Amino acid sequence: MDTQFLDYIVKGLVDNPSDVKIKRTVDEMGVLLTLDVNAADMGKVIGRMGNTAKAIRTLLRVVGMKNNSRVNLKISEPEGGLKPEMRTTASPEPKASKTVDEAMASLGL
């Protein structure tokens, strides 16, 4: 039931529904659904600030409660992940800011 529900929701969001794969595992912690989608569709599944993924997880918890189980969702990172230039952890050096006098002089005031 939970796998079919997730399949229906995700395939309605993505542009490549044939690439949607769901793996279901059960352990002492409950049900874990692992979702794989096309790399181009990751943004649609996660949503702005993760809101779509949060909503899907909330709906899956409701489905789980109805079936007396705990359902969790893991969204797998696609092969290759982020572009290398986006993977930097250190921010670039900030430019030295001008003093007030230098800023006023450059404006010609």
PDB file of N, CA and C in Angstrom:
ATOM      1  N   MET A   1       0.826  -1.195   0.000  1.00  0.00           N
ATOM      2  CA  MET A   1       0.000   0.000   0.000  1.00  0.00           C
ATOM      3  C   MET A   1       0.868   1.256   0.000  1.00  0.00           C
ATOM      4  N   ASP A   2       1.877   1.342   0.891  1.00  0.00           N
ATOM      5  CA  ASP A   2       2.711   2.534   0.976  1.00  0.00           C
ATOM      6  C   ASP A   2       3.568   2.725  -0.271  1.00  0.00           C
ATOM      7  N   THR A   3       4.040   1.627  -0.851  1.00  0.00           N
ATOM      8  CA  THR A   3       4.860   1.712  -2.060  1.00  0.00           C
ATOM      9  C   THR A   3       4.022   2.207  -3.238  1.00  0.00           C
ATOM     10  N   GLN A   4       2.815   1.714  -3.345  1.00  0.00           N
ATOM     11  CA  GLN A   4       1.934   2.139  -4.435  1.00  0.00           C
ATOM     12  C   GLN A   4       1.579   3.616  -4.297  1.00  0.00           C
ATOM     13  N   PHE A   5       1.343   4.045  -3.070  1.00  0.00           N
ATOM     14  CA  PHE A   5       1.003   5.440  -2.802  1.00  0.00           C
ATOM     15  C   PHE A   5       2.156   6.360  -3.202  1.00  0.00           C
ATOM     16  N   LEU A   6       3.382   6.005  -2.761  1.00  0.00           N
ATOM     17  CA  LEU A   6       4.553   6.810  -3.096  1.00  0.00           C
ATOM     18  C   LEU A   6       4.786   6.831  -4.601  1.00  0.00           C
ATOM     19  N   ASP A   7       4.615   5.687  -5.251  1.00  0.00           N
ATOM     20  CA  ASP A   7       4.790   5.579  -6.691  1.00  0.00           C
ATOM     21  C   ASP A   7       3.827   6.528  -7.420  1.00  0.00           C
ATOM     22  N   TYR A   8       2.577   6.524  -7.001  1.00  0.00           N
ATOM     23  CA  TYR A   8       1.563   7.375  -7.617  1.00  0.00           C
ATOM     24  C   TYR A   8       1.912   8.855  -7.464  1.00  0.00           C
ATOM     25  N   ILE A   9       2.297   9.244  -6.249  1.00  0.00           N
ATOM     26  CA  ILE A   9       2.610  10.657  -5.970  1.00  0.00           C
ATOM     27  C   ILE A   9       3.821  11.116  -6.769  1.00  0.00           C
ATOM     28  N   VAL A  10       4.905  10.353  -6.705  1.00  0.00           N
ATOM     29  CA  VAL A  10       6.158  10.774  -7.340  1.00  0.00           C
ATOM     30  C   VAL A  10       6.029  10.784  -8.862  1.00  0.00           C
ATOM     31  N   LYS A  11       5.387   9.769  -9.425  1.00  0.00           N
ATOM     32  CA  LYS A  11       5.241   9.732 -10.888  1.00  0.00           C
ATOM     33  C   LYS A  11       4.390  10.892 -11.398  1.00  0.00           C
ATOM     34  N   GLY A  12       3.533  11.428 -10.558  1.00  0.00           N
ATOM     35  CA  GLY A  12       2.757  12.604 -10.935  1.00  0.00           C
ATOM     36  C   GLY A  12       3.565  13.886 -10.909  1.00  0.00           C
ATOM     37  N   LEU A  13       4.691  13.883 -10.191  1.00  0.00           N
ATOM     38  CA  LEU A  13       5.522  15.081 -10.070  1.00  0.00           C
ATOM     39  C   LEU A  13       6.619  15.177 -11.127  1.00  0.00           C
ATOM     40  N   VAL A  14       7.166  14.054 -11.524  1.00  0.00           N
ATOM     41  CA  VAL A  14       8.396  14.049 -12.323  1.00  0.00           C
ATOM     42  C   VAL A  14       8.125  14.050 -13.831  1.00  0.00           C
ATOM     43  N   ASP A  15       9.172  14.401 -14.593  1.00  0.00           N
ATOM     44  CA  ASP A  15       9.094  14.381 -16.056  1.00  0.00           C
ATOM     45  C   ASP A  15       9.481  13.023 -16.630  1.00  0.00           C
ATOM     46  N   ASN A  16      10.188  12.214 -15.840  1.00  0.00           N
ATOM     47  CA  ASN A  16      10.650  10.892 -16.284  1.00  0.00           C
ATOM     48  C   ASN A  16      10.096   9.800 -15.372  1.00  0.00           C
ATOM     49  N   PRO A  17       8.784   9.509 -15.450  1.00  0.00           N
ATOM     50  CA  PRO A  17       8.193   8.534 -14.531  1.00  0.00           C
ATOM     51  C   PRO A  17       8.747   7.121 -14.690  1.00  0.00           C
ATOM     52  N   SER A  18       9.281   6.800 -15.861  1.00  0.00           N
ATOM     53  CA  SER A  18       9.826   5.449 -16.044  1.00  0.00           C
ATOM     54  C   SER A  18      11.111   5.240 -15.248  1.00  0.00           C
ATOM     55  N   ASP A  19      11.753   6.343 -14.807  1.00  0.00           N
ATOM     56  CA  ASP A  19      12.996   6.242 -14.033  1.00  0.00           C
ATOM     57  C   ASP A  19      12.747   6.139 -12.523  1.00  0.00           C
ATOM     58  N   VAL A  20      11.494   6.210 -12.084  1.00  0.00           N
ATOM     59  CA  VAL A  20      11.176   6.143 -10.654  1.00  0.00           C
ATOM     60  C   VAL A  20      11.311   4.706 -10.178  1.00  0.00           C
ATOM     61  N   LYS A  21      12.139   4.503  -9.146  1.00  0.00           N
ATOM     62  CA  LYS A  21      12.317   3.178  -8.551  1.00  0.00           C
ATOM     63  C   LYS A  21      12.174   3.299  -7.039  1.00  0.00           C
ATOM     64  N   ILE A  22      11.410   2.392  -6.469  1.00  0.00           N
ATOM     65  CA  ILE A  22      11.174   2.403  -5.028  1.00  0.00           C
ATOM     66  C   ILE A  22      11.572   1.052  -4.464  1.00  0.00           C
ATOM     67  N   LYS A  23      12.417   1.088  -3.440  1.00  0.00           N
ATOM     68  CA  LYS A  23      12.839  -0.140  -2.758  1.00  0.00           C
ATOM     69  C   LYS A  23      12.259  -0.102  -1.351  1.00  0.00           C
ATOM     70  N   ARG A  24      11.617  -1.176  -0.942  1.00  0.00           N
ATOM     71  CA  ARG A  24      10.969  -1.238   0.373  1.00  0.00           C
ATOM     72  C   ARG A  24      11.697  -2.243   1.256  1.00  0.00           C
ATOM     73  N   THR A  25      12.125  -1.804   2.425  1.00  0.00           N
ATOM     74  CA  THR A  25      12.748  -2.702   3.404  1.00  0.00           C
ATOM     75  C   THR A  25      12.029  -2.540   4.739  1.00  0.00           C
ATOM     76  N   VAL A  26      11.925  -3.634   5.459  1.00  0.00           N
ATOM     77  CA  VAL A  26      11.263  -3.630   6.755  1.00  0.00           C
ATOM     78  C   VAL A  26      12.257  -4.135   7.803  1.00  0.00           C
ATOM     79  N   ASP A  27      12.354  -3.424   8.923  1.00  0.00           N
ATOM     80  CA  ASP A  27      13.193  -3.867  10.040  1.00  0.00           C
ATOM     81  C   ASP A  27      12.490  -3.508  11.349  1.00  0.00           C
ATOM     82  N   GLU A  28      13.211  -3.583  12.447  1.00  0.00           N
ATOM     83  CA  GLU A  28      12.596  -3.312  13.746  1.00  0.00           C
ATOM     84  C   GLU A  28      12.180  -1.849  13.908  1.00  0.00           C
ATOM     85  N   MET A  29      12.750  -0.942  13.076  1.00  0.00           N
ATOM     86  CA  MET A  29      12.398   0.474  13.141  1.00  0.00           C
ATOM     87  C   MET A  29      11.149   0.796  12.323  1.00  0.00           C
ATOM     88  N   GLY A  30      10.720  -0.117  11.479  1.00  0.00           N
ATOM     89  CA  GLY A  30       9.546   0.111  10.648  1.00  0.00           C
ATOM     90  C   GLY A  30       9.865  -0.110   9.181  1.00  0.00           C
ATOM     91  N   VAL A  31       9.162   0.601   8.329  1.00  0.00           N
ATOM     92  CA  VAL A  31       9.311   0.466   6.884  1.00  0.00           C
ATOM     93  C   VAL A  31      10.188   1.608   6.377  1.00  0.00           C
ATOM     94  N   LEU A  32      11.166   1.272   5.533  1.00  0.00           N
ATOM     95  CA  LEU A  32      11.995   2.287   4.892  1.00  0.00           C
ATOM     96  C   LEU A  32      11.778   2.186   3.394  1.00  0.00           C
ATOM     97  N   LEU A  33      11.311   3.272   2.802  1.00  0.00           N
ATOM     98  CA  LEU A  33      11.148   3.346   1.360  1.00  0.00           C
ATOM     99  C   LEU A  33      12.300   4.180   0.812  1.00  0.00           C
ATOM    100  N   THR A  34      13.078   3.595  -0.094  1.00  0.00           N
ATOM    101  CA  THR A  34      14.191   4.296  -0.718  1.00  0.00           C
ATOM    102  C   THR A  34      13.776   4.660  -2.126  1.00  0.00           C
ATOM    103  N   LEU A  35      13.821   5.944  -2.426  1.00  0.00           N
ATOM    104  CA  LEU A  35      13.339   6.459  -3.701  1.00  0.00           C
ATOM    105  C   LEU A  35      14.509   6.855  -4.595  1.00  0.00           C
ATOM    106  N   ASP A  36      14.499   6.352  -5.821  1.00  0.00           N
ATOM    107  CA  ASP A  36      15.464   6.735  -6.839  1.00  0.00           C
ATOM    108  C   ASP A  36      14.705   7.382  -7.981  1.00  0.00           C
ATOM    109  N   VAL A  37      15.143   8.581  -8.388  1.00  0.00           N
ATOM    110  CA  VAL A  37      14.547   9.265  -9.529  1.00  0.00           C
ATOM    111  C   VAL A  37      15.653   9.757 -10.452  1.00  0.00           C
ATOM    112  N   ASN A  38      15.267  10.161 -11.634  1.00  0.00           N
ATOM    113  CA  ASN A  38      16.201  10.734 -12.584  1.00  0.00           C
ATOM    114  C   ASN A  38      16.810  11.999 -11.973  1.00  0.00           C
ATOM    115  N   ALA A  39      18.099  12.232 -12.229  1.00  0.00           N
ATOM    116  CA  ALA A  39      18.785  13.393 -11.654  1.00  0.00           C
ATOM    117  C   ALA A  39      18.102  14.701 -12.031  1.00  0.00           C
ATOM    118  N   ALA A  40      17.515  14.759 -13.221  1.00  0.00           N
ATOM    119  CA  ALA A  40      16.829  15.977 -13.660  1.00  0.00           C
ATOM    120  C   ALA A  40      15.554  16.240 -12.861  1.00  0.00           C
ATOM    121  N   ASP A  41      15.014  15.219 -12.211  1.00  0.00           N
ATOM    122  CA  ASP A  41      13.764  15.348 -11.461  1.00  0.00           C
ATOM    123  C   ASP A  41      13.962  15.547  -9.959  1.00  0.00           C
ATOM    124  N   MET A  42      15.199  15.571  -9.496  1.00  0.00           N
ATOM    125  CA  MET A  42      15.444  15.698  -8.058  1.00  0.00           C
ATOM    126  C   MET A  42      14.830  16.964  -7.484  1.00  0.00           C
ATOM    127  N   GLY A  43      14.958  18.065  -8.185  1.00  0.00           N
ATOM    128  CA  GLY A  43      14.412  19.329  -7.699  1.00  0.00           C
ATOM    129  C   GLY A  43      12.906  19.288  -7.534  1.00  0.00           C
ATOM    130  N   LYS A  44      12.233  18.581  -8.419  1.00  0.00           N
ATOM    131  CA  LYS A  44      10.774  18.480  -8.333  1.00  0.00           C
ATOM    132  C   LYS A  44      10.352  17.643  -7.142  1.00  0.00           C
ATOM    133  N   VAL A  45      11.113  16.603  -6.843  1.00  0.00           N
ATOM    134  CA  VAL A  45      10.765  15.723  -5.724  1.00  0.00           C
ATOM    135  C   VAL A  45      11.092  16.388  -4.388  1.00  0.00           C
ATOM    136  N   ILE A  46      12.213  17.089  -4.330  1.00  0.00           N
ATOM    137  CA  ILE A  46      12.616  17.729  -3.081  1.00  0.00           C
ATOM    138  C   ILE A  46      11.840  19.021  -2.855  1.00  0.00           C
ATOM    139  N   GLY A  47      11.677  19.821  -3.908  1.00  0.00           N
ATOM    140  CA  GLY A  47      10.917  21.061  -3.792  1.00  0.00           C
ATOM    141  C   GLY A  47      11.722  22.179  -3.179  1.00  0.00           C
ATOM    142  N   ARG A  48      11.138  23.360  -3.206  1.00  0.00           N
ATOM    143  CA  ARG A  48      11.811  24.534  -2.659  1.00  0.00           C
ATOM    144  C   ARG A  48      11.968  24.387  -1.155  1.00  0.00           C
ATOM    145  N   MET A  49      13.210  24.508  -0.692  1.00  0.00           N
ATOM    146  CA  MET A  49      13.561  24.379   0.732  1.00  0.00           C
ATOM    147  C   MET A  49      13.134  23.022   1.302  1.00  0.00           C
ATOM    148  N   GLY A  50      12.978  22.020   0.440  1.00  0.00           N
ATOM    149  CA  GLY A  50      12.629  20.680   0.898  1.00  0.00           C
ATOM    150  C   GLY A  50      11.171  20.492   1.253  1.00  0.00           C
ATOM    151  N   ASN A  51      10.335  21.448   0.900  1.00  0.00           N
ATOM    152  CA  ASN A  51       8.930  21.385   1.312  1.00  0.00           C
ATOM    153  C   ASN A  51       8.155  20.245   0.672  1.00  0.00           C
ATOM    154  N   THR A  52       8.438  19.935  -0.594  1.00  0.00           N
ATOM    155  CA  THR A  52       7.723  18.830  -1.244  1.00  0.00           C
ATOM    156  C   THR A  52       8.096  17.506  -0.595  1.00  0.00           C
ATOM    157  N   ALA A  53       9.392  17.306  -0.330  1.00  0.00           N
ATOM    158  CA  ALA A  53       9.837  16.076   0.325  1.00  0.00           C
ATOM    159  C   ALA A  53       9.233  15.950   1.727  1.00  0.00           C
ATOM    160  N   LYS A  54       9.151  17.062   2.452  1.00  0.00           N
ATOM    161  CA  LYS A  54       8.547  17.039   3.792  1.00  0.00           C
ATOM    162  C   LYS A  54       7.077  16.638   3.709  1.00  0.00           C
ATOM    163  N   ALA A  55       6.377  17.186   2.716  1.00  0.00           N
ATOM    164  CA  ALA A  55       4.955  16.871   2.554  1.00  0.00           C
ATOM    165  C   ALA A  55       4.752  15.396   2.215  1.00  0.00           C
ATOM    166  N   ILE A  56       5.610  14.864   1.341  1.00  0.00           N
ATOM    167  CA  ILE A  56       5.509  13.444   0.982  1.00  0.00           C
ATOM    168  C   ILE A  56       5.763  12.580   2.213  1.00  0.00           C
ATOM    169  N   ARG A  57       6.768  12.940   3.006  1.00  0.00           N
ATOM    170  CA  ARG A  57       7.069  12.180   4.236  1.00  0.00           C
ATOM    171  C   ARG A  57       5.895  12.221   5.214  1.00  0.00           C
ATOM    172  N   THR A  58       5.259  13.381   5.326  1.00  0.00           N
ATOM    173  CA  THR A  58       4.093  13.506   6.222  1.00  0.00           C
ATOM    174  C   THR A  58       2.960  12.607   5.756  1.00  0.00           C
ATOM    175  N   LEU A  59       2.690  12.606   4.459  1.00  0.00           N
ATOM    176  CA  LEU A  59       1.625  11.756   3.925  1.00  0.00           C
ATOM    177  C   LEU A  59       1.948  10.276   4.126  1.00  0.00           C
ATOM    178  N   LEU A  60       3.225   9.915   3.967  1.00  0.00           N
ATOM    179  CA  LEU A  60       3.616   8.513   4.181  1.00  0.00           C
ATOM    180  C   LEU A  60       3.451   8.111   5.647  1.00  0.00           C
ATOM    181  N   ARG A  61       3.701   9.035   6.569  1.00  0.00           N
ATOM    182  CA  ARG A  61       3.491   8.723   7.985  1.00  0.00           C
ATOM    183  C   ARG A  61       2.018   8.455   8.257  1.00  0.00           C
ATOM    184  N   VAL A  62       1.149   9.236   7.609  1.00  0.00           N
ATOM    185  CA  VAL A  62      -0.293   9.031   7.775  1.00  0.00           C
ATOM    186  C   VAL A  62      -0.699   7.663   7.231  1.00  0.00           C
ATOM    187  N   VAL A  63      -0.181   7.309   6.053  1.00  0.00           N
ATOM    188  CA  VAL A  63      -0.466   5.985   5.480  1.00  0.00           C
ATOM    189  C   VAL A  63       0.046   4.901   6.425  1.00  0.00           C
ATOM    190  N   GLY A  64       1.229   5.117   6.990  1.00  0.00           N
ATOM    191  CA  GLY A  64       1.795   4.151   7.934  1.00  0.00           C
ATOM    192  C   GLY A  64       0.955   4.004   9.189  1.00  0.00           C
ATOM    193  N   MET A  65       0.485   5.117   9.735  1.00  0.00           N
ATOM    194  CA  MET A  65      -0.342   5.053  10.944  1.00  0.00           C
ATOM    195  C   MET A  65      -1.626   4.287  10.688  1.00  0.00           C
ATOM    196  N   LYS A  66      -2.177   4.457   9.500  1.00  0.00           N
ATOM    197  CA  LYS A  66      -3.407   3.742   9.147  1.00  0.00           C
ATOM    198  C   LYS A  66      -3.167   2.232   9.115  1.00  0.00           C
ATOM    199  N   ASN A  67      -1.931   1.839   8.777  1.00  0.00           N
ATOM    200  CA  ASN A  67      -1.572   0.422   8.706  1.00  0.00           C
ATOM    201  C   ASN A  67      -0.757  -0.049   9.912  1.00  0.00           C
ATOM    202  N   ASN A  68      -0.763   0.743  10.984  1.00  0.00           N
ATOM    203  CA  ASN A  68      -0.045   0.409  12.221  1.00  0.00           C
ATOM    204  C   ASN A  68       1.441   0.142  11.984  1.00  0.00           C
ATOM    205  N   SER A  69       2.070   0.978  11.179  1.00  0.00           N
ATOM    206  CA  SER A  69       3.515   0.848  10.968  1.00  0.00           C
ATOM    207  C   SER A  69       4.131   2.231  10.827  1.00  0.00           C
ATOM    208  N   ARG A  70       5.422   2.288  11.000  1.00  0.00           N
ATOM    209  CA  ARG A  70       6.156   3.540  10.861  1.00  0.00           C
ATOM    210  C   ARG A  70       6.821   3.533   9.487  1.00  0.00           C
ATOM    211  N   VAL A  71       6.520   4.532   8.666  1.00  0.00           N
ATOM    212  CA  VAL A  71       7.054   4.582   7.303  1.00  0.00           C
ATOM    213  C   VAL A  71       7.994   5.780   7.188  1.00  0.00           C
ATOM    214  N   ASN A  72       9.214   5.533   6.727  1.00  0.00           N
ATOM    215  CA  ASN A  72      10.202   6.581   6.508  1.00  0.00           C
ATOM    216  C   ASN A  72      10.605   6.588   5.042  1.00  0.00           C
ATOM    217  N   LEU A  73      11.000   7.750   4.552  1.00  0.00           N
ATOM    218  CA  LEU A  73      11.400   7.906   3.159  1.00  0.00           C
ATOM    219  C   LEU A  73      12.830   8.386   3.075  1.00  0.00           C
ATOM    220  N   LYS A  74      13.612   7.710   2.251  1.00  0.00           N
ATOM    221  CA  LYS A  74      14.980   8.133   1.957  1.00  0.00           C
ATOM    222  C   LYS A  74      15.035   8.410   0.464  1.00  0.00           C
ATOM    223  N   ILE A  75      15.460   9.610   0.093  1.00  0.00           N
ATOM    224  CA  ILE A  75      15.604   9.968  -1.314  1.00  0.00           C
ATOM    225  C   ILE A  75      17.074   9.817  -1.664  1.00  0.00           C
ATOM    226  N   SER A  76      17.373   8.877  -2.539  1.00  0.00           N
ATOM    227  CA  SER A  76      18.762   8.602  -2.901  1.00  0.00           C
ATOM    228  C   SER A  76      19.308   9.679  -3.809  1.00  0.00           C
ATOM    229  N   GLU A  77      20.554  10.057  -3.542  1.00  0.00           N
ATOM    230  CA  GLU A  77      21.228  11.020  -4.408  1.00  0.00           C
ATOM    231  C   GLU A  77      21.585  10.323  -5.708  1.00  0.00           C
ATOM    232  N   PRO A  78      21.307  10.950  -6.851  1.00  0.00           N
ATOM    233  CA  PRO A  78      21.602  10.294  -8.131  1.00  0.00           C
ATOM    234  C   PRO A  78      23.102  10.138  -8.352  1.00  0.00           C
ATOM    235  N   GLU A  79      23.469   9.246  -9.273  1.00  0.00           N
ATOM    236  CA  GLU A  79      24.872   9.036  -9.610  1.00  0.00           C
ATOM    237  C   GLU A  79      25.499  10.353 -10.003  1.00  0.00           C
ATOM    238  N   GLY A  80      26.667  10.626  -9.460  1.00  0.00           N
ATOM    239  CA  GLY A  80      27.360  11.863  -9.781  1.00  0.00           C
ATOM    240  C   GLY A  80      27.044  12.970  -8.798  1.00  0.00           C
ATOM    241  N   GLY A  81      25.849  12.982  -8.264  1.00  0.00           N
ATOM    242  CA  GLY A  81      25.463  13.971  -7.266  1.00  0.00           C
ATOM    243  C   GLY A  81      25.537  15.388  -7.790  1.00  0.00           C
ATOM    244  N   LEU A  82      25.938  16.296  -6.917  1.00  0.00           N
ATOM    245  CA  LEU A  82      26.045  17.697  -7.290  1.00  0.00           C
ATOM    246  C   LEU A  82      27.190  17.917  -8.257  1.00  0.00           C
ATOM    247  N   LYS A  83      27.071  18.976  -9.028  1.00  0.00           N
ATOM    248  CA  LYS A  83      28.173  19.349  -9.903  1.00  0.00           C
ATOM    249  C   LYS A  83      29.369  19.718  -9.029  1.00  0.00           C
ATOM    250  N   PRO A  84      30.603  19.387  -9.451  1.00  0.00           N
ATOM    251  CA  PRO A  84      31.774  19.661  -8.610  1.00  0.00           C
ATOM    252  C   PRO A  84      31.870  21.107  -8.147  1.00  0.00           C
ATOM    253  N   GLU A  85      31.518  22.074  -9.003  1.00  0.00           N
ATOM    254  CA  GLU A  85      31.636  23.465  -8.583  1.00  0.00           C
ATOM    255  C   GLU A  85      30.616  23.833  -7.512  1.00  0.00           C
ATOM    256  N   MET A  86      29.544  23.051  -7.368  1.00  0.00           N
ATOM    257  CA  MET A  86      28.534  23.330  -6.350  1.00  0.00           C
ATOM    258  C   MET A  86      28.854  22.619  -5.038  1.00  0.00           C
ATOM    259  N   ARG A  87      29.842  21.743  -5.047  1.00  0.00           N
ATOM    260  CA  ARG A  87      30.144  20.925  -3.897  1.00  0.00           C
ATOM    261  C   ARG A  87      31.133  21.570  -2.931  1.00  0.00           C
ATOM    262  N   THR A  88      31.571  22.774  -3.202  1.00  0.00           N
ATOM    263  CA  THR A  88      32.569  23.412  -2.345  1.00  0.00           C
ATOM    264  C   THR A  88      31.977  23.676  -0.969  1.00  0.00           C
ATOM    265  N   THR A  89      32.789  23.451   0.047  1.00  0.00           N
ATOM    266  CA  THR A  89      32.319  23.676   1.407  1.00  0.00           C
ATOM    267  C   THR A  89      32.781  25.021   1.934  1.00  0.00           C
ATOM    268  N   ALA A  90      33.938  25.486   1.447  1.00  0.00           N
ATOM    269  CA  ALA A  90      34.449  26.773   1.907  1.00  0.00           C
ATOM    270  C   ALA A  90      33.903  27.876   1.010  1.00  0.00           C
ATOM    271  N   SER A  91      33.467  28.942   1.637  1.00  0.00           N
ATOM    272  CA  SER A  91      32.970  30.054   0.837  1.00  0.00           C
ATOM    273  C   SER A  91      34.160  30.860   0.321  1.00  0.00           C
ATOM    274  N   PRO A  92      33.994  31.517  -0.812  1.00  0.00           N
ATOM    275  CA  PRO A  92      35.106  32.297  -1.354  1.00  0.00           C
ATOM    276  C   PRO A  92      35.468  33.443  -0.424  1.00  0.00           C
ATOM    277  N   GLU A  93      36.699  33.909  -0.546  1.00  0.00           N
ATOM    278  CA  GLU A  93      37.158  35.012   0.293  1.00  0.00           C
ATOM    279  C   GLU A  93      36.316  36.247   0.016  1.00  0.00           C
ATOM    280  N   PRO A  94      35.819  36.897   1.068  1.00  0.00           N
ATOM    281  CA  PRO A  94      35.037  38.108   0.834  1.00  0.00           C
ATOM    282  C   PRO A  94      35.945  39.233   0.344  1.00  0.00           C
ATOM    283  N   LYS A  95      35.395  40.088  -0.520  1.00  0.00           N
ATOM    284  CA  LYS A  95      36.158  41.225  -1.001  1.00  0.00           C
ATOM    285  C   LYS A  95      36.274  42.236   0.125  1.00  0.00           C
ATOM    286  N   ALA A  96      37.414  42.906   0.169  1.00  0.00           N
ATOM    287  CA  ALA A  96      37.605  43.934   1.188  1.00  0.00           C
ATOM    288  C   ALA A  96      36.650  45.081   0.895  1.00  0.00           C
ATOM    289  N   SER A  97      35.908  45.500   1.898  1.00  0.00           N
ATOM    290  CA  SER A  97      34.960  46.586   1.677  1.00  0.00           C
ATOM    291  C   SER A  97      35.676  47.929   1.799  1.00  0.00           C
ATOM    292  N   LYS A  98      35.117  48.908   1.138  1.00  0.00           N
ATOM    293  CA  LYS A  98      35.697  50.251   1.161  1.00  0.00           C
ATOM    294  C   LYS A  98      35.316  50.937   2.463  1.00  0.00           C
ATOM    295  N   THR A  99      36.148  51.862   2.852  1.00  0.00           N
ATOM    296  CA  THR A  99      35.776  52.685   3.992  1.00  0.00           C
ATOM    297  C   THR A  99      34.730  53.686   3.515  1.00  0.00           C
ATOM    298  N   VAL A 100      34.096  54.350   4.427  1.00  0.00           N
ATOM    299  CA  VAL A 100      33.080  55.337   4.082  1.00  0.00           C
ATOM    300  C   VAL A 100      33.696  56.448   3.243  1.00  0.00           C
ATOM    301  N   ASP A 101      34.911  56.896   3.633  1.00  0.00           N
ATOM    302  CA  ASP A 101      35.575  57.979   2.894  1.00  0.00           C
ATOM    303  C   ASP A 101      35.890  57.546   1.464  1.00  0.00           C
ATOM    304  N   GLU A 102      36.360  56.292   1.284  1.00  0.00           N
ATOM    305  CA  GLU A 102      36.677  55.807  -0.057  1.00  0.00           C
ATOM    306  C   GLU A 102      35.411  55.693  -0.907  1.00  0.00           C
ATOM    307  N   ALA A 103      34.336  55.256  -0.317  1.00  0.00           N
ATOM    308  CA  ALA A 103      33.072  55.126  -1.033  1.00  0.00           C
ATOM    309  C   ALA A 103      32.557  56.491  -1.456  1.00  0.00           C
ATOM    310  N   MET A 104      32.649  57.477  -0.566  1.00  0.00           N
ATOM    311  CA  MET A 104      32.213  58.821  -0.881  1.00  0.00           C
ATOM    312  C   MET A 104      33.071  59.423  -1.990  1.00  0.00           C
ATOM    313  N   ALA A 105      34.394  59.167  -1.944  1.00  0.00           N
ATOM    314  CA  ALA A 105      35.298  59.691  -2.959  1.00  0.00           C
ATOM    315  C   ALA A 105      34.993  59.081  -4.323  1.00  0.00           C
ATOM    316  N   SER A 106      34.693  57.769  -4.355  1.00  0.00           N
ATOM    317  CA  SER A 106      34.411  57.127  -5.623  1.00  0.00           C
ATOM    318  C   SER A 106      33.082  57.593  -6.228  1.00  0.00           C
ATOM    319  N   LEU A 107      32.184  58.035  -5.381  1.00  0.00           N
ATOM    320  CA  LEU A 107      30.910  58.576  -5.857  1.00  0.00           C
ATOM    321  C   LEU A 107      31.043  60.027  -6.301  1.00  0.00           C
ATOM    322  N   GLY A 108      32.147  60.662  -5.934  1.00  0.00           N
ATOM    323  CA  GLY A 108      32.375  62.059  -6.295  1.00  0.00           C
ATOM    324  C   GLY A 108      31.577  63.028  -5.436  1.00  0.00           C
ATOM    325  N   LEU A 109      31.280  62.608  -4.210  1.00  0.00           N
ATOM    326  CA  LEU A 109      30.519  63.490  -3.312  1.00  0.00           C
ATOM    327  C   LEU A 109      31.416  64.253  -2.391  1.00  0.00           C
TER     328      LEU A 109
END
